[in-house]
């Protein structure tokens, strides 16, 4: 392992082949939706839906923890949903492998926040996850209906992941404008003590995302496959942002099962990051944010 590599990696977006993910559309959608236009071969563990093989692949890739981002949306488009209780059971059973975020169904916010309060103290539950631009009824991140989510996250001392990407919006049946990060700035400024992770990093609005994060010190950029895929459109913008001023607020992810883990790590390392900030992005930033011990 290179001197610039950390002793371990935190993958901020990993959907393992456990029943919570594989029984519905979530895992299969993630497996197949990019393959008509990209040359992703996928991971052996994903094709075989084998958790044991996934753990082997994580070890070979240097990934200690995979973060299970809750998806409790109301089944818009092809996205489907995952029960929070099953996420909690998975991260509890595999405490040395998985961290979890509780998903909030934006069509049932009160009920979902009840689950968040119930599960917040569970081992390895590290945050709250929402997908405002791809739900049954898309909305901006600063929609007033989402304020109770942000206030609850603050009370529970948990970061909020806001998943935004053009592909995610399209899969939800909406146009890609819903992936714009402009409304993130308004949320971040309204709640300056709230830690906000923008999962998928508002791709393809990479320049806007980087500028919003520059303006808002409580915003973290998590491009996952959009900065760990060779030749990916806009990836260089995320790299430039981290190299210039976001070295402490850029996070690594693979979006597994979209891609093979080793391929993702290899592609990430070839993106042109300043060598000295690579350990920050692969481990330190996420470990500090999620309060994970070394």
Protein backbone atom coordinates (compact mmCIF):
# COMPACT_ATOMS: atom_id res chain seq x y z
CA UNK A 1 0.00 0.00 0.00
CA UNK A 2 1.34 3.44 -0.94
CA UNK A 3 2.68 5.78 1.70
CA UNK A 4 -0.10 8.15 0.69
CA UNK A 5 -2.78 5.53 1.35
CA UNK A 6 -4.52 5.43 4.75
CA UNK A 7 -4.59 2.21 6.77
CA UNK A 8 -8.24 1.78 5.76
CA UNK A 9 -10.95 3.32 3.58
CA UNK A 10 -14.52 4.39 4.31
CA UNK A 11 -16.82 3.90 1.31
CA UNK A 12 -19.61 6.46 1.68
CA UNK A 13 -22.07 4.68 -0.63
CA UNK A 14 -22.25 0.89 -0.64
CA UNK A 15 -25.36 -1.26 -1.04
CA UNK A 16 -24.48 -4.81 0.01
CA UNK A 17 -26.20 -7.95 -1.32
CA UNK A 18 -28.38 -8.50 1.74
CA UNK A 19 -32.14 -9.15 1.50
CA UNK A 20 -33.00 -5.56 2.42
CA UNK A 21 -31.44 -4.47 -0.86
CA UNK A 22 -31.76 -7.45 -3.19
CA UNK A 23 -35.41 -8.42 -2.72
CA UNK A 24 -36.71 -5.24 -4.37
CA UNK A 25 -35.53 -3.05 -7.24
CA UNK A 26 -32.78 -1.07 -5.47
CA UNK A 27 -29.87 -3.49 -5.96
CA UNK A 28 -30.82 -4.53 -9.48
CA UNK A 29 -31.35 -0.93 -10.60
CA UNK A 30 -27.91 0.02 -9.29
CA UNK A 31 -26.43 -3.03 -11.00
CA UNK A 32 -27.89 -2.42 -14.43
CA UNK A 33 -28.81 1.20 -15.10
CA UNK A 34 -25.36 2.43 -16.25
CA UNK A 35 -24.43 -0.65 -18.28
CA UNK A 36 -26.24 0.34 -21.44
CA UNK A 37 -23.90 3.32 -21.81
CA UNK A 38 -20.81 2.45 -19.74
CA UNK A 39 -18.38 -0.45 -19.78
CA UNK A 40 -18.81 -1.36 -16.10
CA UNK A 41 -18.48 -5.09 -15.68
CA UNK A 42 -19.64 -5.05 -12.08
CA UNK A 43 -18.28 -6.96 -9.11
CA UNK A 44 -18.31 -10.74 -8.84
CA UNK A 45 -19.96 -10.43 -5.42
CA UNK A 46 -22.76 -8.34 -6.93
CA UNK A 47 -23.53 -10.73 -9.78
CA UNK A 48 -23.55 -13.67 -7.35
CA UNK A 49 -25.25 -11.64 -4.60
CA UNK A 50 -22.68 -12.99 -2.15
CA UNK A 51 -21.93 -11.14 1.07
CA UNK A 52 -18.92 -13.34 1.82
CA UNK A 53 -17.34 -12.46 -1.52
CA UNK A 54 -18.11 -8.77 -0.94
CA UNK A 55 -16.18 -8.88 2.33
CA UNK A 56 -13.24 -10.44 0.49
CA UNK A 57 -13.42 -7.68 -2.14
CA UNK A 58 -13.56 -5.02 0.57
CA UNK A 59 -10.46 -6.48 2.21
CA UNK A 60 -8.51 -6.61 -1.05
CA UNK A 61 -9.53 -3.01 -1.81
CA UNK A 62 -8.63 -1.71 1.65
CA UNK A 63 -12.23 -0.75 2.47
CA UNK A 64 -12.94 -1.20 6.18
CA UNK A 65 -16.46 0.26 6.27
CA UNK A 66 -19.21 0.60 3.72
CA UNK A 67 -21.94 3.16 4.45
CA UNK A 68 -25.50 1.98 3.84
CA UNK A 69 -27.41 5.12 2.85
CA UNK A 70 -31.04 4.61 3.83
CA UNK A 71 -33.59 4.86 1.06
CA UNK A 72 -37.11 5.20 2.42
CA UNK A 73 -38.54 7.15 -0.51
CA UNK A 74 -42.00 6.24 -1.70
CA UNK A 75 -40.90 4.09 -4.59
CA UNK A 76 -40.67 6.79 -7.25
CA UNK A 77 -39.62 5.54 -10.66
CA UNK A 78 -37.23 2.59 -10.44
CA UNK A 79 -35.68 3.59 -7.14
CA UNK A 80 -37.65 1.54 -4.65
CA UNK A 81 -37.07 1.68 -0.92
CA UNK A 82 -35.39 -0.13 1.97
CA UNK A 83 -36.80 -0.58 5.46
CA UNK A 84 -34.78 1.25 8.10
CA UNK A 85 -35.14 -1.62 10.54
CA UNK A 86 -33.32 -3.90 8.12
CA UNK A 87 -30.49 -1.38 7.74
CA UNK A 88 -30.16 -1.23 11.53
CA UNK A 89 -30.13 -5.04 11.73
CA UNK A 90 -27.41 -5.23 9.07
CA UNK A 91 -25.09 -2.68 10.64
CA UNK A 92 -25.65 -4.26 14.04
CA UNK A 93 -24.85 -7.76 12.74
CA UNK A 94 -21.79 -6.61 10.79
CA UNK A 95 -20.47 -3.85 13.03
CA UNK A 96 -16.92 -4.22 11.73
CA UNK A 97 -18.08 -3.81 8.09
CA UNK A 98 -21.07 -1.46 7.81
CA UNK A 99 -22.20 1.97 8.97
CA UNK A 100 -25.76 3.13 8.38
CA UNK A 101 -27.87 6.22 7.68
CA UNK A 102 -31.61 6.21 8.43
CA UNK A 103 -33.70 6.97 5.35
CA UNK A 104 -36.57 9.46 5.54
CA UNK A 105 -39.68 8.91 3.42
CA UNK A 106 -40.58 12.43 2.33
CA UNK A 107 -44.21 11.38 1.91
CA UNK A 108 -44.28 10.20 5.55
CA UNK A 109 -41.84 12.50 7.34
CA UNK A 110 -43.31 12.26 10.84
CA UNK A 111 -43.28 8.46 10.81
CA UNK A 112 -39.75 8.32 9.42
CA UNK A 113 -38.45 10.80 11.98
CA UNK A 114 -39.94 8.58 14.65
CA UNK A 115 -37.79 5.78 13.29
CA UNK A 116 -34.76 8.07 13.24
CA UNK A 117 -35.25 8.90 16.91
CA UNK A 118 -35.80 5.22 17.72
CA UNK A 119 -32.68 4.01 15.93
CA UNK A 120 -30.31 6.96 16.47
CA UNK A 121 -28.57 5.31 19.40
CA UNK A 122 -28.11 1.98 17.60
CA UNK A 123 -24.49 0.92 17.06
CA UNK A 124 -23.01 2.26 13.82
CA UNK A 125 -26.01 4.43 12.87
CA UNK A 126 -24.23 7.60 11.79
CA UNK A 127 -26.70 9.87 10.01
CA UNK A 128 -29.98 10.60 8.23
CA UNK A 129 -30.52 10.24 4.48
CA UNK A 130 -32.95 12.05 2.17
CA UNK A 131 -33.39 12.20 -1.63
CA UNK A 132 -35.49 15.32 -2.24
CA UNK A 133 -34.88 15.62 -5.99
CA UNK A 134 -35.95 12.09 -6.87
CA UNK A 135 -38.89 11.28 -4.62
CA UNK A 136 -42.48 10.68 -5.61
CA UNK A 137 -42.97 14.44 -5.43
CA UNK A 138 -39.62 16.16 -6.08
CA UNK A 139 -38.73 19.16 -3.99
CA UNK A 140 -35.77 21.42 -3.38
CA UNK A 141 -33.55 20.80 -0.40
CA UNK A 142 -34.73 24.01 1.27
CA UNK A 143 -38.44 23.13 0.97
CA UNK A 144 -40.13 24.09 4.24
CA UNK A 145 -41.47 20.55 4.61
CA UNK A 146 -37.91 19.34 5.21
CA UNK A 147 -37.18 21.65 8.13
CA UNK A 148 -38.29 19.08 10.75
CA UNK A 149 -35.69 16.67 9.31
CA UNK A 150 -32.86 19.16 9.69
CA UNK A 151 -33.98 20.17 13.18
CA UNK A 152 -34.20 16.52 14.27
CA UNK A 153 -30.74 15.81 12.88
CA UNK A 154 -29.34 18.69 14.90
CA UNK A 155 -31.03 17.43 18.07
CA UNK A 156 -29.67 13.93 17.47
CA UNK A 157 -26.21 15.30 16.54
CA UNK A 158 -26.29 13.46 13.20
CA UNK A 159 -25.22 14.65 9.74
CA UNK A 160 -27.73 14.61 6.89
CA UNK A 161 -26.95 13.05 3.53
CA UNK A 162 -28.83 14.77 0.71
CA UNK A 163 -28.54 12.61 -2.40
CA UNK A 164 -28.56 14.63 -5.63
CA UNK A 165 -27.64 13.61 -9.16
CA UNK A 166 -29.08 13.97 -12.62
CA UNK A 167 -29.28 10.19 -13.04
CA UNK A 168 -31.02 9.82 -9.68
CA UNK A 169 -33.60 12.45 -10.64
CA UNK A 170 -34.12 10.80 -14.03
CA UNK A 171 -34.58 7.38 -12.45
CA UNK A 172 -37.18 8.97 -10.20
CA UNK A 173 -39.02 10.16 -13.29
CA UNK A 174 -38.02 13.82 -13.08
CA UNK A 175 -35.81 16.17 -15.10
CA UNK A 176 -32.19 16.64 -14.08
CA UNK A 177 -32.68 20.22 -12.86
CA UNK A 178 -33.80 18.73 -9.54
CA UNK A 179 -30.19 17.72 -8.95
CA UNK A 180 -29.00 21.34 -8.76
CA UNK A 181 -27.22 22.11 -5.45
CA UNK A 182 -28.28 25.78 -5.26
CA UNK A 183 -30.90 25.03 -2.59
CA UNK A 184 -28.22 23.24 -0.53
CA UNK A 185 -26.58 26.61 0.06
CA UNK A 186 -29.79 27.98 1.55
CA UNK A 187 -30.14 24.99 3.88
CA UNK A 188 -26.50 25.20 4.95
CA UNK A 189 -26.76 28.89 5.74
CA UNK A 190 -30.06 28.47 7.59
CA UNK A 191 -28.60 25.64 9.70
CA UNK A 192 -24.89 26.47 10.05
CA UNK A 193 -24.34 23.80 12.73
CA UNK A 194 -25.82 21.03 10.57
CA UNK A 195 -23.32 18.83 8.75
CA UNK A 196 -24.57 18.19 5.20
CA UNK A 197 -23.19 15.49 2.93
CA UNK A 198 -24.17 15.86 -0.72
CA UNK A 199 -24.15 12.27 -1.95
CA UNK A 200 -23.51 11.93 -5.70
CA UNK A 201 -22.27 15.55 -5.36
CA UNK A 202 -25.12 17.01 -7.43
CA UNK A 203 -23.64 15.58 -10.64
CA UNK A 204 -23.54 16.96 -13.34
CA UNK A 205 -23.70 20.34 -11.55
CA UNK A 206 -20.14 19.84 -10.33
CA UNK A 207 -18.96 23.46 -10.58
CA UNK A 208 -22.01 24.71 -8.69
CA UNK A 209 -21.50 22.01 -6.07
CA UNK A 210 -17.89 22.94 -5.48
CA UNK A 211 -18.76 26.64 -5.16
CA UNK A 212 -21.60 25.92 -2.71
CA UNK A 213 -19.22 23.86 -0.57
CA UNK A 214 -16.64 26.65 -0.71
CA UNK A 215 -19.25 29.13 0.52
CA UNK A 216 -20.62 26.81 3.22
CA UNK A 217 -18.11 25.21 5.61
CA UNK A 218 -20.72 22.70 6.84
CA UNK A 219 -21.15 21.10 3.39
CA UNK A 220 -19.28 17.93 2.40
CA UNK A 221 -18.87 16.80 -1.20
CA UNK A 222 -19.30 13.05 -1.79
CA UNK A 223 -19.08 12.35 -5.55
CA UNK A 224 -18.73 8.55 -5.20
CA UNK A 225 -18.66 6.96 -8.70
CA UNK A 226 -18.50 10.41 -10.32
CA UNK A 227 -14.97 10.82 -8.96
CA UNK A 228 -13.93 7.15 -8.90
CA UNK A 229 -14.57 6.29 -12.55
CA UNK A 230 -11.95 6.79 -15.26
CA UNK A 231 -13.08 9.25 -17.92
CA UNK A 232 -16.19 10.37 -16.03
CA UNK A 233 -17.66 13.69 -17.13
CA UNK A 234 -17.15 16.45 -14.49
CA UNK A 235 -14.81 14.35 -12.32
CA UNK A 236 -11.95 16.78 -12.82
CA UNK A 237 -14.05 19.56 -11.25
CA UNK A 238 -14.42 17.63 -7.99
CA UNK A 239 -10.68 16.89 -8.05
CA UNK A 240 -9.80 20.54 -8.63
CA UNK A 241 -12.12 21.58 -5.82
CA UNK A 242 -10.48 19.19 -3.37
CA UNK A 243 -6.98 20.07 -4.50
CA UNK A 244 -7.62 23.79 -4.09
CA UNK A 245 -9.78 24.16 -0.97
CA UNK A 246 -11.98 21.14 -0.14
CA UNK A 247 -9.33 18.67 1.00
CA UNK A 248 -11.05 18.33 4.41
CA UNK A 249 -14.63 18.09 3.06
CA UNK A 250 -14.38 15.69 0.12
CA UNK A 251 -15.42 12.06 0.71
CA UNK A 252 -14.78 8.82 -1.17
CA UNK A 253 -17.43 6.39 -2.36
CA UNK A 254 -17.98 3.66 -4.95
CA UNK A 255 -21.79 3.42 -5.33
CA UNK A 256 -21.36 -0.37 -5.24
CA UNK A 257 -22.87 -2.48 -6.81
CA UNK A 258 -22.54 -0.11 -9.77
CA UNK A 259 -18.80 -0.80 -9.93
CA UNK A 260 -16.19 -3.26 -8.75
CA UNK A 261 -14.51 -2.01 -5.58
CA UNK A 262 -10.90 -2.53 -6.70
CA UNK A 263 -11.64 -0.80 -9.98
CA UNK A 264 -13.20 2.14 -8.14
CA UNK A 265 -10.22 2.58 -5.80
CA UNK A 266 -7.77 2.26 -8.71
CA UNK A 267 -9.66 4.79 -10.82
CA UNK A 268 -9.91 7.17 -7.85
CA UNK A 269 -6.14 7.09 -7.30
CA UNK A 270 -5.53 7.99 -10.96
CA UNK A 271 -7.78 11.08 -10.90
CA UNK A 272 -5.03 13.58 -10.14
CA UNK A 273 -5.60 14.33 -6.46
CA UNK A 274 -2.73 15.94 -4.59
CA UNK A 275 -0.98 12.96 -3.03
CA UNK A 276 -0.97 14.38 0.47
CA UNK A 277 -4.76 14.80 0.60
CA UNK A 278 -5.63 11.25 -0.51
CA UNK A 279 -5.69 9.88 3.08
CA UNK A 280 -8.10 12.69 4.02
CA UNK A 281 -10.55 11.77 1.28
CA UNK A 282 -10.33 8.01 1.71
CA UNK A 283 -10.49 7.90 5.51
CA UNK A 284 -9.86 10.91 7.75
CA UNK A 285 -12.66 13.22 6.59
CA UNK A 286 -15.35 10.59 6.88
CA UNK A 287 -13.94 9.13 10.10
CA UNK A 288 -14.04 12.55 11.76
CA UNK A 289 -17.48 13.42 10.40
CA UNK A 290 -19.01 10.06 11.37
CA UNK A 291 -17.07 9.77 14.64
CA UNK A 292 -15.36 6.54 13.70
CA UNK A 293 -12.32 5.53 15.73
CA UNK A 294 -9.11 4.70 13.89
